[in-house]
């Protein structure tokens, strides 16, 4: 059974654009969160622990 690629409808491509935009916004928010946490951490171990609690990693592109 072969699947054929069909062109995206306007609705589908709009959804795809919205999803990409949401993913970009999330990355920006996560980068800001990492910077904010880094500015308040007492030391490297504190930073790692706080980022782990938030599900973030220092220097990682999410």
N, C-alpha and C. Protein backbone atom coordinates (compact mmCIF):
# COMPACT_ATOMS: atom_id res chain seq x y z
N UNK A 1 0.84 -1.16 0.00
CA UNK A 1 0.00 0.00 0.00
C UNK A 1 0.89 1.24 0.00
N UNK A 2 0.70 2.11 -0.94
CA UNK A 2 1.52 3.31 -1.06
C UNK A 2 0.72 4.52 -0.63
N UNK A 3 1.39 5.39 0.07
CA UNK A 3 0.72 6.63 0.42
C UNK A 3 1.19 7.71 -0.55
N UNK A 4 0.27 8.51 -0.96
CA UNK A 4 0.60 9.59 -1.88
C UNK A 4 0.62 10.90 -1.10
N UNK A 5 1.58 11.73 -1.45
CA UNK A 5 1.64 13.04 -0.81
C UNK A 5 0.67 13.96 -1.51
N UNK A 6 -0.13 14.59 -0.69
CA UNK A 6 -1.08 15.56 -1.22
C UNK A 6 -0.63 16.95 -0.82
N UNK A 7 -0.92 17.94 -1.62
CA UNK A 7 -0.55 19.30 -1.24
C UNK A 7 -1.28 19.71 0.04
N UNK A 8 -0.62 20.54 0.83
CA UNK A 8 -1.24 21.01 2.06
C UNK A 8 -2.38 21.95 1.75
N UNK A 9 -3.44 21.80 2.49
CA UNK A 9 -4.55 22.74 2.34
C UNK A 9 -4.18 24.03 3.07
N UNK A 10 -4.91 25.07 2.83
CA UNK A 10 -4.64 26.35 3.50
C UNK A 10 -4.76 26.18 5.01
N UNK A 11 -5.73 25.40 5.44
CA UNK A 11 -5.95 25.16 6.87
C UNK A 11 -4.77 24.41 7.47
N UNK A 12 -4.27 23.39 6.77
CA UNK A 12 -3.15 22.59 7.27
C UNK A 12 -1.89 23.43 7.32
N UNK A 13 -1.63 24.20 6.27
CA UNK A 13 -0.41 25.01 6.28
C UNK A 13 -0.49 26.11 7.33
N UNK A 14 -1.66 26.64 7.59
CA UNK A 14 -1.83 27.64 8.66
C UNK A 14 -1.52 27.01 10.01
N UNK A 15 -2.00 25.79 10.22
CA UNK A 15 -1.71 25.06 11.45
C UNK A 15 -0.21 24.83 11.59
N UNK A 16 0.44 24.44 10.51
CA UNK A 16 1.88 24.19 10.54
C UNK A 16 2.64 25.46 10.89
N UNK A 17 2.25 26.58 10.31
CA UNK A 17 2.90 27.86 10.63
C UNK A 17 2.68 28.22 12.10
N UNK A 18 1.48 28.00 12.61
CA UNK A 18 1.18 28.31 14.01
C UNK A 18 2.00 27.42 14.94
N UNK A 19 2.17 26.17 14.56
CA UNK A 19 2.95 25.25 15.39
C UNK A 19 4.42 25.67 15.43
N UNK A 20 4.99 26.02 14.30
CA UNK A 20 6.38 26.48 14.24
C UNK A 20 6.54 27.74 15.08
N UNK A 21 5.61 28.65 14.97
CA UNK A 21 5.66 29.89 15.75
C UNK A 21 5.60 29.59 17.25
N UNK A 22 4.73 28.67 17.65
CA UNK A 22 4.61 28.30 19.07
C UNK A 22 5.90 27.65 19.57
N UNK A 23 6.52 26.82 18.75
CA UNK A 23 7.77 26.18 19.14
C UNK A 23 8.89 27.21 19.30
N UNK A 24 8.93 28.19 18.41
CA UNK A 24 9.93 29.26 18.52
C UNK A 24 9.71 30.08 19.78
N UNK A 25 8.45 30.40 20.07
CA UNK A 25 8.12 31.15 21.29
C UNK A 25 8.53 30.38 22.53
N UNK A 26 8.31 29.08 22.53
CA UNK A 26 8.69 28.24 23.66
C UNK A 26 10.19 28.27 23.88
N UNK A 27 10.96 28.16 22.80
CA UNK A 27 12.42 28.21 22.92
C UNK A 27 12.88 29.54 23.51
N UNK A 28 12.29 30.64 23.08
CA UNK A 28 12.64 31.95 23.61
C UNK A 28 12.32 32.02 25.10
N UNK A 29 11.16 31.55 25.50
CA UNK A 29 10.77 31.55 26.91
C UNK A 29 11.73 30.70 27.74
N UNK A 30 12.12 29.55 27.21
CA UNK A 30 13.02 28.68 27.94
C UNK A 30 14.40 29.31 28.07
N UNK A 31 14.88 29.98 27.03
CA UNK A 31 16.16 30.66 27.10
C UNK A 31 16.13 31.78 28.15
N UNK A 32 15.02 32.51 28.20
CA UNK A 32 14.87 33.56 29.21
C UNK A 32 14.84 32.95 30.61
N UNK A 33 14.15 31.85 30.76
CA UNK A 33 14.07 31.18 32.06
C UNK A 33 15.46 30.73 32.52
N UNK A 34 16.26 30.18 31.61
CA UNK A 34 17.61 29.74 31.97
C UNK A 34 18.43 30.94 32.43
N UNK A 35 18.35 32.06 31.71
CA UNK A 35 19.10 33.25 32.11
C UNK A 35 18.65 33.79 33.46
N UNK A 36 17.34 33.78 33.70
CA UNK A 36 16.81 34.27 34.96
C UNK A 36 17.28 33.39 36.12
N UNK A 37 17.18 32.08 35.94
CA UNK A 37 17.63 31.16 36.98
C UNK A 37 19.13 31.31 37.22
N UNK A 38 19.89 31.45 36.15
CA UNK A 38 21.34 31.60 36.29
C UNK A 38 21.68 32.86 37.08
N UNK A 39 20.92 33.90 36.90
CA UNK A 39 21.17 35.15 37.62
C UNK A 39 20.86 35.07 39.10
N UNK A 40 20.05 34.08 39.50
CA UNK A 40 19.67 33.95 40.90
C UNK A 40 20.31 32.75 41.60
N UNK A 41 20.99 31.91 40.85
CA UNK A 41 21.62 30.72 41.45
C UNK A 41 22.83 31.13 42.27
N UNK A 42 23.07 30.39 43.36
CA UNK A 42 24.19 30.68 44.26
C UNK A 42 25.51 30.14 43.71
N UNK A 43 25.45 29.01 43.04
CA UNK A 43 26.65 28.40 42.47
C UNK A 43 26.23 27.44 41.36
N UNK A 44 27.20 26.77 40.77
CA UNK A 44 26.92 25.89 39.63
C UNK A 44 26.00 24.74 40.03
N UNK A 45 26.22 24.16 41.19
CA UNK A 45 25.36 23.05 41.64
C UNK A 45 23.93 23.52 41.85
N UNK A 46 23.78 24.70 42.41
CA UNK A 46 22.45 25.29 42.60
C UNK A 46 21.77 25.50 41.25
N UNK A 47 22.54 26.05 40.31
CA UNK A 47 22.01 26.28 38.96
C UNK A 47 21.54 24.98 38.33
N UNK A 48 22.37 23.96 38.39
CA UNK A 48 21.98 22.67 37.79
C UNK A 48 20.73 22.11 38.44
N UNK A 49 20.65 22.19 39.75
CA UNK A 49 19.48 21.67 40.46
C UNK A 49 18.21 22.41 40.09
N UNK A 50 18.30 23.74 40.06
CA UNK A 50 17.13 24.54 39.73
C UNK A 50 16.68 24.29 38.29
N UNK A 51 17.63 24.22 37.37
CA UNK A 51 17.27 23.95 35.98
C UNK A 51 16.65 22.57 35.82
N UNK A 52 17.18 21.59 36.56
CA UNK A 52 16.63 20.24 36.50
C UNK A 52 15.18 20.24 36.97
N UNK A 53 14.89 21.01 38.02
CA UNK A 53 13.51 21.10 38.53
C UNK A 53 12.56 21.66 37.48
N UNK A 54 13.09 22.54 36.63
CA UNK A 54 12.28 23.16 35.58
C UNK A 54 12.30 22.37 34.27
N UNK A 55 13.10 21.32 34.23
CA UNK A 55 13.20 20.53 33.01
C UNK A 55 14.01 21.24 31.93
N UNK A 56 14.96 22.07 32.35
CA UNK A 56 15.78 22.83 31.42
C UNK A 56 17.24 22.43 31.58
N UNK A 57 18.06 22.79 30.58
CA UNK A 57 19.49 22.55 30.64
C UNK A 57 20.21 23.83 30.26
N UNK A 58 21.29 24.12 30.97
CA UNK A 58 22.09 25.30 30.65
C UNK A 58 22.80 25.09 29.33
N UNK A 59 22.74 26.08 28.46
CA UNK A 59 23.47 26.02 27.21
C UNK A 59 22.84 25.14 26.15
N UNK A 60 21.78 24.44 26.47
CA UNK A 60 21.15 23.56 25.49
C UNK A 60 20.16 24.35 24.66
N UNK A 61 20.17 24.10 23.37
CA UNK A 61 19.15 24.69 22.49
C UNK A 61 17.97 23.78 22.52
N UNK A 62 16.87 24.29 23.00
CA UNK A 62 15.67 23.47 23.16
C UNK A 62 14.81 23.57 21.92
